[in-house]
Amino acid sequence: MSHEFEAVNIDNDGLSTKQKLTVAFGLLLVASLTMFVVQNSDDTEVQWLMFDATLPKWLIITISAVVGAALVMLASAVIKLRSRSER
């Protein structure tokens, strides 16, 4: 059994190039999310079924995105289960 190891270049500061890119991407993501929240901080009135609320826009958009992603994951799981049961 042979083991293969990925070569990692470590600079003088102790971080590999991959780690530096990961940190840079993380900082870019945090900065983008911060700008998103600041630009969408005003309140919006929301009415859904019999519920009324006043929430910040960023929260409404975030909740909608999370619910949408959860529905996509649920639909994907149902499709996979059905295709496995047909085999």
Foldseek 3Di string as FASTA:
>chain_A
DDDDDDDFDADPVGDTPVRVVVVVVVVVVVVVVVVVCVVQQAWDWDDDDPDIDIHTPVVVVVVVVVVVVVVVVVVVVVVVVVVVVVD
